[in-house]
Amino acid sequence: MFRILGVLVGFFVFGFWGVLLGYFLGSIVDRFRAFGSGGVNPFSAPRRQSVFLQTVFILMGKLAKADGRISEIEVAHVEQFMLKLGMSSEHRLKAIVLFKCGASANYDIAPKLKEFMAVCGYSSSLRQMLLVYLIIMGLSDGELNTSEINLLKEIGRHLGYNDAAFDHLLDMVLNQTHFAEGQAMSANALEDAYKALGVTQECSDNEIKRAYRKLMSQYHPDKLMGQGVPEEMISVATEQAKEVQIAYDLIKKHRAQNQTAA
């Protein structure tokens, strides 16, 4: 709207050159209205994606070394992760350098996280996805030890998560992974499903639906790509969305059965 207005005003005031000036200024106003002062600027997408990837691999290295040694399973997970991203040989080498940099004993994560917050911190989805990626990395060897959890909490604080908010996210991700291979058949499957959505059995149907829709929105590929998550990394979010869907379907099925029985 302001782009058109700028063209008209520019033409009548300055003529041909005013059209160009008005179009340029009007475009800036339109982008500001569309994205907000801290919103997503499409022209800075490569910068956001670059910082996001750099932060992921550096923190993966830091997390892998949190317990004092990097296991073969953790190395295999990172290699599999790079393979899933379809990275070229050149980009793989850069990622390995970043991973080793993060794993070095004296590496300070604070400056990198400060940069991440400056470039990507406006988006709660980007901050959450960074933590989700790292939690999944930490689980690659089957569990999170105390050192890894403490480091993740430290990272979470840099991202604006207090300990309670981090624990809530961690509980959700841990229980979402229970549905990675399809519907969980354990005796605790229903309890896990509620935790995967971040709700309790006392919540109403509408509250559960809102929690489900919020998670699906946070994991939505188009939204994440629009906010700066590299396209190659969307597959991880897609897997989480599938797990959320399975958990939600299990809850709905159980509640429908209870209503029928009643």
C-alpha atoms as a PDB file:
ATOM      1  CA  MET A   1       0.000   0.000   0.000  1.00  0.00           C
ATOM      2  CA  PHE A   2       2.704   2.522   1.013  1.00  0.00           C
ATOM      3  CA  ARG A   3       4.736   1.476  -2.023  1.00  0.00           C
ATOM      4  CA  ILE A   4       1.950   2.672  -4.343  1.00  0.00           C
ATOM      5  CA  LEU A   5       1.386   5.824  -2.292  1.00  0.00           C
ATOM      6  CA  GLY A   6       5.119   6.558  -2.401  1.00  0.00           C
ATOM      7  CA  VAL A   7       5.176   6.220  -6.196  1.00  0.00           C
ATOM      8  CA  LEU A   8       2.245   8.625  -6.617  1.00  0.00           C
ATOM      9  CA  VAL A   9       3.594  11.247  -4.221  1.00  0.00           C
ATOM     10  CA  GLY A  10       7.084  10.936  -5.673  1.00  0.00           C
ATOM     11  CA  PHE A  11       5.803  11.423  -9.224  1.00  0.00           C
ATOM     12  CA  PHE A  12       3.810  14.567  -8.459  1.00  0.00           C
ATOM     13  CA  VAL A  13       6.549  16.141  -6.326  1.00  0.00           C
ATOM     14  CA  PHE A  14       9.789  15.103  -8.050  1.00  0.00           C
ATOM     15  CA  GLY A  15       8.765  13.563 -11.363  1.00  0.00           C
ATOM     16  CA  PHE A  16      10.449  10.411 -12.721  1.00  0.00           C
ATOM     17  CA  TRP A  17      13.202  10.235 -10.071  1.00  0.00           C
ATOM     18  CA  GLY A  18      10.566  10.783  -7.417  1.00  0.00           C
ATOM     19  CA  VAL A  19       8.861   7.576  -8.596  1.00  0.00           C
ATOM     20  CA  LEU A  20      11.996   5.565  -7.841  1.00  0.00           C
ATOM     21  CA  LEU A  21      12.527   7.275  -4.489  1.00  0.00           C
ATOM     22  CA  GLY A  22       8.885   6.849  -3.517  1.00  0.00           C
ATOM     23  CA  TYR A  23       8.896   3.170  -4.486  1.00  0.00           C
ATOM     24  CA  PHE A  24      12.035   2.543  -2.431  1.00  0.00           C
ATOM     25  CA  LEU A  25      10.780   4.369   0.685  1.00  0.00           C
ATOM     26  CA  GLY A  26       7.317   2.850   0.371  1.00  0.00           C
ATOM     27  CA  SER A  27       8.820  -0.655   0.167  1.00  0.00           C
ATOM     28  CA  ILE A  28      10.698  -0.066   3.418  1.00  0.00           C
ATOM     29  CA  VAL A  29       7.498   1.017   5.177  1.00  0.00           C
ATOM     30  CA  ASP A  30       5.566  -1.968   3.780  1.00  0.00           C
ATOM     31  CA  ARG A  31       8.232  -4.389   4.965  1.00  0.00           C
ATOM     32  CA  PHE A  32       8.235  -2.780   8.402  1.00  0.00           C
ATOM     33  CA  ARG A  33       4.450  -3.097   8.641  1.00  0.00           C
ATOM     34  CA  ALA A  34       4.567  -6.712   7.438  1.00  0.00           C
ATOM     35  CA  PHE A  35       7.376  -7.936   9.634  1.00  0.00           C
ATOM     36  CA  GLY A  36       7.537  -5.463  12.524  1.00  0.00           C
ATOM     37  CA  SER A  37      10.630  -3.818  13.933  1.00  0.00           C
ATOM     38  CA  GLY A  38      12.017  -7.196  15.007  1.00  0.00           C
ATOM     39  CA  GLY A  39      10.246  -9.291  12.433  1.00  0.00           C
ATOM     40  CA  VAL A  40      11.505 -11.464   9.642  1.00  0.00           C
ATOM     41  CA  ASN A  41      13.228  -9.544   6.874  1.00  0.00           C
ATOM     42  CA  PRO A  42      13.448 -11.792   3.788  1.00  0.00           C
ATOM     43  CA  PHE A  43      16.580 -10.009   2.597  1.00  0.00           C
ATOM     44  CA  SER A  44      18.555 -11.228   5.613  1.00  0.00           C
ATOM     45  CA  ALA A  45      17.536 -14.902   5.314  1.00  0.00           C
ATOM     46  CA  PRO A  46      21.023 -16.110   4.242  1.00  0.00           C
ATOM     47  CA  ARG A  47      22.536 -14.366   7.262  1.00  0.00           C
ATOM     48  CA  ARG A  48      20.027 -15.970   9.639  1.00  0.00           C
ATOM     49  CA  GLN A  49      20.540 -19.409   8.122  1.00  0.00           C
ATOM     50  CA  SER A  50      24.318 -19.089   8.314  1.00  0.00           C
ATOM     51  CA  VAL A  51      24.260 -18.043  11.984  1.00  0.00           C
ATOM     52  CA  PHE A  52      21.737 -20.770  12.813  1.00  0.00           C
ATOM     53  CA  LEU A  53      23.886 -23.508  11.259  1.00  0.00           C
ATOM     54  CA  GLN A  54      27.112 -22.205  12.800  1.00  0.00           C
ATOM     55  CA  THR A  55      25.488 -22.117  16.243  1.00  0.00           C
ATOM     56  CA  VAL A  56      24.065 -25.624  15.876  1.00  0.00           C
ATOM     57  CA  PHE A  57      27.395 -27.275  15.013  1.00  0.00           C
ATOM     58  CA  ILE A  58      29.420 -25.313  17.578  1.00  0.00           C
ATOM     59  CA  LEU A  59      26.976 -26.191  20.349  1.00  0.00           C
ATOM     60  CA  MET A  60      26.816 -29.807  19.164  1.00  0.00           C
ATOM     61  CA  GLY A  61      30.571 -29.964  19.729  1.00  0.00           C
ATOM     62  CA  LYS A  62      30.256 -28.361  23.161  1.00  0.00           C
ATOM     63  CA  LEU A  63      27.462 -30.757  24.123  1.00  0.00           C
ATOM     64  CA  ALA A  64      29.313 -33.842  22.875  1.00  0.00           C
ATOM     65  CA  LYS A  65      32.321 -32.926  25.038  1.00  0.00           C
ATOM     66  CA  ALA A  66      30.212 -31.994  28.088  1.00  0.00           C
ATOM     67  CA  ASP A  67      30.952 -35.284  29.843  1.00  0.00           C
ATOM     68  CA  GLY A  68      34.674 -35.085  29.079  1.00  0.00           C
ATOM     69  CA  ARG A  69      34.810 -37.266  25.973  1.00  0.00           C
ATOM     70  CA  ILE A  70      33.155 -37.518  22.582  1.00  0.00           C
ATOM     71  CA  SER A  71      31.719 -40.991  22.053  1.00  0.00           C
ATOM     72  CA  GLU A  72      31.685 -42.858  18.742  1.00  0.00           C
ATOM     73  CA  ILE A  73      27.878 -42.776  18.865  1.00  0.00           C
ATOM     74  CA  GLU A  74      27.903 -38.974  19.110  1.00  0.00           C
ATOM     75  CA  VAL A  75      30.344 -38.703  16.193  1.00  0.00           C
ATOM     76  CA  ALA A  76      28.144 -41.053  14.154  1.00  0.00           C
ATOM     77  CA  HIS A  77      25.087 -38.939  15.009  1.00  0.00           C
ATOM     78  CA  VAL A  78      26.765 -35.764  13.773  1.00  0.00           C
ATOM     79  CA  GLU A  79      27.886 -37.503  10.576  1.00  0.00           C
ATOM     80  CA  GLN A  80      24.370 -38.827  10.034  1.00  0.00           C
ATOM     81  CA  PHE A  81      23.014 -35.349  10.698  1.00  0.00           C
ATOM     82  CA  MET A  82      25.309 -33.842   8.041  1.00  0.00           C
ATOM     83  CA  LEU A  83      24.332 -36.616   5.641  1.00  0.00           C
ATOM     84  CA  LYS A  84      20.643 -35.882   6.243  1.00  0.00           C
ATOM     85  CA  LEU A  85      21.318 -32.212   5.494  1.00  0.00           C
ATOM     86  CA  GLY A  86      22.829 -33.193   2.138  1.00  0.00           C
ATOM     87  CA  MET A  87      25.904 -31.074   2.792  1.00  0.00           C
ATOM     88  CA  SER A  88      28.634 -30.846   0.184  1.00  0.00           C
ATOM     89  CA  SER A  89      32.172 -31.987   1.020  1.00  0.00           C
ATOM     90  CA  GLU A  90      33.229 -28.357   1.461  1.00  0.00           C
ATOM     91  CA  HIS A  91      30.358 -27.599   3.832  1.00  0.00           C
ATOM     92  CA  ARG A  92      30.962 -30.829   5.757  1.00  0.00           C
ATOM     93  CA  LEU A  93      34.561 -29.795   6.369  1.00  0.00           C
ATOM     94  CA  LYS A  94      33.406 -26.395   7.647  1.00  0.00           C
ATOM     95  CA  ALA A  95      30.834 -28.062   9.908  1.00  0.00           C
ATOM     96  CA  ILE A  96      33.502 -30.383  11.330  1.00  0.00           C
ATOM     97  CA  VAL A  97      35.740 -27.374  12.058  1.00  0.00           C
ATOM     98  CA  LEU A  98      32.852 -25.695  13.899  1.00  0.00           C
ATOM     99  CA  PHE A  99      32.100 -28.906  15.824  1.00  0.00           C
ATOM    100  CA  LYS A 100      35.748 -29.261  16.896  1.00  0.00           C
ATOM    101  CA  CYS A 101      35.871 -25.577  17.799  1.00  0.00           C
ATOM    102  CA  GLY A 102      32.883 -25.995  20.116  1.00  0.00           C
ATOM    103  CA  ALA A 103      34.405 -29.153  21.606  1.00  0.00           C
ATOM    104  CA  SER A 104      37.639 -27.410  22.579  1.00  0.00           C
ATOM    105  CA  ALA A 105      38.044 -27.120  26.351  1.00  0.00           C
ATOM    106  CA  ASN A 106      38.357 -23.341  26.520  1.00  0.00           C
ATOM    107  CA  TYR A 107      35.650 -22.396  24.028  1.00  0.00           C
ATOM    108  CA  ASP A 108      33.241 -19.777  25.413  1.00  0.00           C
ATOM    109  CA  ILE A 109      29.728 -20.227  24.026  1.00  0.00           C
ATOM    110  CA  ALA A 110      28.470 -16.844  25.270  1.00  0.00           C
ATOM    111  CA  PRO A 111      29.622 -14.715  22.259  1.00  0.00           C
ATOM    112  CA  LYS A 112      28.150 -17.156  19.733  1.00  0.00           C
ATOM    113  CA  LEU A 113      24.828 -17.267  21.593  1.00  0.00           C
ATOM    114  CA  LYS A 114      24.846 -13.468  21.821  1.00  0.00           C
ATOM    115  CA  GLU A 115      25.253 -13.339  18.033  1.00  0.00           C
ATOM    116  CA  PHE A 116      22.476 -15.917  17.628  1.00  0.00           C
ATOM    117  CA  MET A 117      20.129 -13.833  19.763  1.00  0.00           C
ATOM    118  CA  ALA A 118      20.996 -10.670  17.813  1.00  0.00           C
ATOM    119  CA  VAL A 119      20.241 -12.311  14.471  1.00  0.00           C
ATOM    120  CA  CYS A 120      17.645 -14.997  15.287  1.00  0.00           C
ATOM    121  CA  GLY A 121      16.469 -14.236  18.822  1.00  0.00           C
ATOM    122  CA  TYR A 122      13.345 -12.325  17.727  1.00  0.00           C
ATOM    123  CA  SER A 123      11.717 -15.677  16.897  1.00  0.00           C
ATOM    124  CA  SER A 124      10.624 -17.992  19.711  1.00  0.00           C
ATOM    125  CA  SER A 125      10.412 -20.801  17.138  1.00  0.00           C
ATOM    126  CA  LEU A 126      14.081 -20.423  16.152  1.00  0.00           C
ATOM    127  CA  ARG A 127      15.176 -20.367  19.789  1.00  0.00           C
ATOM    128  CA  GLN A 128      13.069 -23.416  20.566  1.00  0.00           C
ATOM    129  CA  MET A 129      14.241 -25.351  17.498  1.00  0.00           C
ATOM    130  CA  LEU A 130      17.871 -24.736  18.444  1.00  0.00           C
ATOM    131  CA  LEU A 131      17.237 -26.317  21.845  1.00  0.00           C
ATOM    132  CA  VAL A 132      15.245 -29.180  20.296  1.00  0.00           C
ATOM    133  CA  TYR A 133      18.116 -30.004  17.907  1.00  0.00           C
ATOM    134  CA  LEU A 134      20.569 -30.002  20.804  1.00  0.00           C
ATOM    135  CA  ILE A 135      18.364 -32.139  23.054  1.00  0.00           C
ATOM    136  CA  ILE A 136      18.022 -34.715  20.273  1.00  0.00           C
ATOM    137  CA  MET A 137      21.811 -34.608  19.827  1.00  0.00           C
ATOM    138  CA  GLY A 138      22.280 -35.206  23.544  1.00  0.00           C
ATOM    139  CA  LEU A 139      19.939 -38.194  23.374  1.00  0.00           C
ATOM    140  CA  SER A 140      21.912 -39.797  20.545  1.00  0.00           C
ATOM    141  CA  ASP A 141      23.698 -42.107  22.976  1.00  0.00           C
ATOM    142  CA  GLY A 142      20.468 -43.053  24.743  1.00  0.00           C
ATOM    143  CA  GLU A 143      20.325 -40.599  27.627  1.00  0.00           C
ATOM    144  CA  LEU A 144      21.187 -37.148  28.900  1.00  0.00           C
ATOM    145  CA  ASN A 145      23.714 -37.119  31.717  1.00  0.00           C
ATOM    146  CA  THR A 146      23.963 -34.420  34.368  1.00  0.00           C
ATOM    147  CA  SER A 147      26.741 -32.514  32.563  1.00  0.00           C
ATOM    148  CA  GLU A 148      24.723 -32.393  29.344  1.00  0.00           C
ATOM    149  CA  ILE A 149      21.555 -31.254  31.112  1.00  0.00           C
ATOM    150  CA  ASN A 150      23.457 -28.502  32.949  1.00  0.00           C
ATOM    151  CA  LEU A 151      24.974 -27.278  29.677  1.00  0.00           C
ATOM    152  CA  LEU A 152      21.584 -27.342  27.945  1.00  0.00           C
ATOM    153  CA  LYS A 153      20.115 -25.323  30.805  1.00  0.00           C
ATOM    154  CA  GLU A 154      22.954 -22.804  30.473  1.00  0.00           C
ATOM    155  CA  ILE A 155      22.264 -22.514  26.741  1.00  0.00           C
ATOM    156  CA  GLY A 156      18.574 -22.171  27.510  1.00  0.00           C
ATOM    157  CA  ARG A 157      19.239 -19.239  29.836  1.00  0.00           C
ATOM    158  CA  HIS A 158      21.123 -17.442  27.049  1.00  0.00           C
ATOM    159  CA  LEU A 159      18.055 -18.038  24.851  1.00  0.00           C
ATOM    160  CA  GLY A 160      15.653 -16.604  27.419  1.00  0.00           C
ATOM    161  CA  TYR A 161      14.473 -19.851  29.055  1.00  0.00           C
ATOM    162  CA  ASN A 162      14.368 -20.021  32.835  1.00  0.00           C
ATOM    163  CA  ASP A 163      14.962 -23.446  34.379  1.00  0.00           C
ATOM    164  CA  ALA A 164      11.236 -24.197  34.699  1.00  0.00           C
ATOM    165  CA  ALA A 165      10.578 -23.353  31.027  1.00  0.00           C
ATOM    166  CA  PHE A 166      13.565 -25.447  29.967  1.00  0.00           C
ATOM    167  CA  ASP A 167      12.443 -28.426  32.070  1.00  0.00           C
ATOM    168  CA  HIS A 168       8.989 -28.196  30.476  1.00  0.00           C
ATOM    169  CA  LEU A 169      10.472 -28.208  26.953  1.00  0.00           C
ATOM    170  CA  LEU A 170      12.868 -31.024  27.813  1.00  0.00           C
ATOM    171  CA  ASP A 171      10.006 -33.151  29.187  1.00  0.00           C
ATOM    172  CA  MET A 172       7.991 -32.592  26.006  1.00  0.00           C
ATOM    173  CA  VAL A 173      10.873 -33.504  23.664  1.00  0.00           C
ATOM    174  CA  LEU A 174      11.820 -36.581  25.710  1.00  0.00           C
ATOM    175  CA  ASN A 175       8.252 -37.856  25.520  1.00  0.00           C
ATOM    176  CA  GLN A 176       7.829 -36.927  21.865  1.00  0.00           C
ATOM    177  CA  THR A 177      10.765 -39.209  21.042  1.00  0.00           C
ATOM    178  CA  HIS A 178       8.809 -42.123  22.550  1.00  0.00           C
ATOM    179  CA  PHE A 179       6.600 -41.942  19.458  1.00  0.00           C
ATOM    180  CA  ALA A 180       9.455 -41.824  16.942  1.00  0.00           C
ATOM    181  CA  GLU A 181       8.726 -45.311  15.595  1.00  0.00           C
ATOM    182  CA  GLY A 182       4.957 -44.937  15.591  1.00  0.00           C
ATOM    183  CA  GLN A 183       2.390 -45.290  18.349  1.00  0.00           C
ATOM    184  CA  ALA A 184       4.010 -46.270  21.629  1.00  0.00           C
ATOM    185  CA  MET A 185       2.555 -49.504  22.986  1.00  0.00           C
ATOM    186  CA  SER A 186       3.952 -49.343  26.523  1.00  0.00           C
ATOM    187  CA  ALA A 187       1.737 -49.170  29.611  1.00  0.00           C
ATOM    188  CA  ASN A 188       2.756 -45.529  30.002  1.00  0.00           C
ATOM    189  CA  ALA A 189       1.988 -44.566  26.392  1.00  0.00           C
ATOM    190  CA  LEU A 190      -1.014 -42.401  27.256  1.00  0.00           C
ATOM    191  CA  GLU A 191       0.874 -40.614  30.034  1.00  0.00           C
ATOM    192  CA  ASP A 192       3.782 -40.049  27.625  1.00  0.00           C
ATOM    193  CA  ALA A 193       1.365 -38.625  25.050  1.00  0.00           C
ATOM    194  CA  TYR A 194       0.067 -35.984  27.452  1.00  0.00           C
ATOM    195  CA  LYS A 195       3.627 -35.020  28.399  1.00  0.00           C
ATOM    196  CA  ALA A 196       4.612 -34.859  24.713  1.00  0.00           C
ATOM    197  CA  LEU A 197       1.995 -32.137  24.257  1.00  0.00           C
ATOM    198  CA  GLY A 198       2.929 -30.389  27.496  1.00  0.00           C
ATOM    199  CA  VAL A 199      -0.517 -30.948  29.043  1.00  0.00           C
ATOM    200  CA  THR A 200      -2.059 -33.118  31.752  1.00  0.00           C
ATOM    201  CA  GLN A 201      -4.993 -35.527  31.835  1.00  0.00           C
ATOM    202  CA  GLU A 202      -6.975 -32.907  33.764  1.00  0.00           C
ATOM    203  CA  CYS A 203      -6.883 -30.509  30.782  1.00  0.00           C
ATOM    204  CA  SER A 204     -10.035 -30.037  28.729  1.00  0.00           C
ATOM    205  CA  ASP A 205     -10.344 -31.157  25.105  1.00  0.00           C
ATOM    206  CA  ASN A 206     -10.045 -27.532  23.966  1.00  0.00           C
ATOM    207  CA  GLU A 207      -6.888 -26.962  26.033  1.00  0.00           C
ATOM    208  CA  ILE A 208      -5.308 -30.088  24.569  1.00  0.00           C
ATOM    209  CA  LYS A 209      -6.270 -29.055  21.051  1.00  0.00           C
ATOM    210  CA  ARG A 210      -4.723 -25.612  21.557  1.00  0.00           C
ATOM    211  CA  ALA A 211      -1.477 -27.169  22.835  1.00  0.00           C
ATOM    212  CA  TYR A 212      -1.422 -29.546  19.844  1.00  0.00           C
ATOM    213  CA  ARG A 213      -2.028 -26.758  17.325  1.00  0.00           C
ATOM    214  CA  LYS A 214       0.646 -24.570  18.910  1.00  0.00           C
ATOM    215  CA  LEU A 215       3.244 -27.344  18.627  1.00  0.00           C
ATOM    216  CA  MET A 216       2.260 -28.150  15.040  1.00  0.00           C
ATOM    217  CA  SER A 217       2.581 -24.459  14.192  1.00  0.00           C
ATOM    218  CA  GLN A 218       6.028 -24.286  15.802  1.00  0.00           C
ATOM    219  CA  TYR A 219       7.177 -27.311  13.798  1.00  0.00           C
ATOM    220  CA  HIS A 220       5.542 -26.211  10.528  1.00  0.00           C
ATOM    221  CA  PRO A 221       8.118 -26.329   7.687  1.00  0.00           C
ATOM    222  CA  ASP A 222       7.000 -23.171   5.876  1.00  0.00           C
ATOM    223  CA  LYS A 223       6.976 -21.133   9.089  1.00  0.00           C
ATOM    224  CA  LEU A 224      10.435 -22.334  10.141  1.00  0.00           C
ATOM    225  CA  MET A 225      11.927 -21.771   6.697  1.00  0.00           C
ATOM    226  CA  GLY A 226      10.389 -18.304   6.585  1.00  0.00           C
ATOM    227  CA  GLN A 227      11.964 -17.461   9.913  1.00  0.00           C
ATOM    228  CA  GLY A 228      15.436 -18.662   9.001  1.00  0.00           C
ATOM    229  CA  VAL A 229      15.806 -22.401   9.642  1.00  0.00           C
ATOM    230  CA  PRO A 230      17.809 -23.810   6.695  1.00  0.00           C
ATOM    231  CA  GLU A 231      15.668 -25.948   4.412  1.00  0.00           C
ATOM    232  CA  GLU A 232      17.974 -28.929   4.914  1.00  0.00           C
ATOM    233  CA  MET A 233      17.238 -28.933   8.657  1.00  0.00           C
ATOM    234  CA  ILE A 234      13.454 -28.973   8.327  1.00  0.00           C
ATOM    235  CA  SER A 235      13.405 -32.787   8.331  1.00  0.00           C
ATOM    236  CA  VAL A 236      14.137 -32.825  12.072  1.00  0.00           C
ATOM    237  CA  ALA A 237      11.141 -30.569  12.764  1.00  0.00           C
ATOM    238  CA  THR A 238       9.004 -32.715  10.468  1.00  0.00           C
ATOM    239  CA  GLU A 239       9.861 -35.810  12.517  1.00  0.00           C
ATOM    240  CA  GLN A 240       8.926 -34.002  15.727  1.00  0.00           C
ATOM    241  CA  ALA A 241       5.615 -32.950  14.158  1.00  0.00           C
ATOM    242  CA  LYS A 242       4.855 -36.595  13.285  1.00  0.00           C
ATOM    243  CA  GLU A 243       5.524 -37.615  16.877  1.00  0.00           C
ATOM    244  CA  VAL A 244       3.228 -34.863  18.174  1.00  0.00           C
ATOM    245  CA  GLN A 245       0.514 -35.999  15.761  1.00  0.00           C
ATOM    246  CA  ILE A 246       0.744 -39.619  16.960  1.00  0.00           C
ATOM    247  CA  ALA A 247       0.600 -38.524  20.599  1.00  0.00           C
ATOM    248  CA  TYR A 248      -2.429 -36.313  19.946  1.00  0.00           C
ATOM    249  CA  ASP A 249      -4.236 -39.062  18.029  1.00  0.00           C
ATOM    250  CA  LEU A 250      -3.664 -41.450  20.944  1.00  0.00           C
ATOM    251  CA  ILE A 251      -5.155 -38.962  23.409  1.00  0.00           C
ATOM    252  CA  LYS A 252      -8.178 -38.319  21.171  1.00  0.00           C
ATOM    253  CA  LYS A 253      -8.782 -42.043  20.705  1.00  0.00           C
ATOM    254  CA  HIS A 254      -8.594 -42.709  24.453  1.00  0.00           C
ATOM    255  CA  ARG A 255     -10.965 -39.815  25.273  1.00  0.00           C
ATOM    256  CA  ALA A 256     -13.445 -40.890  22.599  1.00  0.00           C
ATOM    257  CA  GLN A 257     -13.481 -44.409  24.025  1.00  0.00           C
ATOM    258  CA  ASN A 258     -14.115 -43.076  27.535  1.00  0.00           C
ATOM    259  CA  GLN A 259     -16.999 -40.905  26.298  1.00  0.00           C
ATOM    260  CA  THR A 260     -18.540 -43.893  24.486  1.00  0.00           C
ATOM    261  CA  ALA A 261     -18.216 -46.072  27.584  1.00  0.00           C
ATOM    262  CA  ALA A 262     -19.820 -43.392  29.725  1.00  0.00           C
END
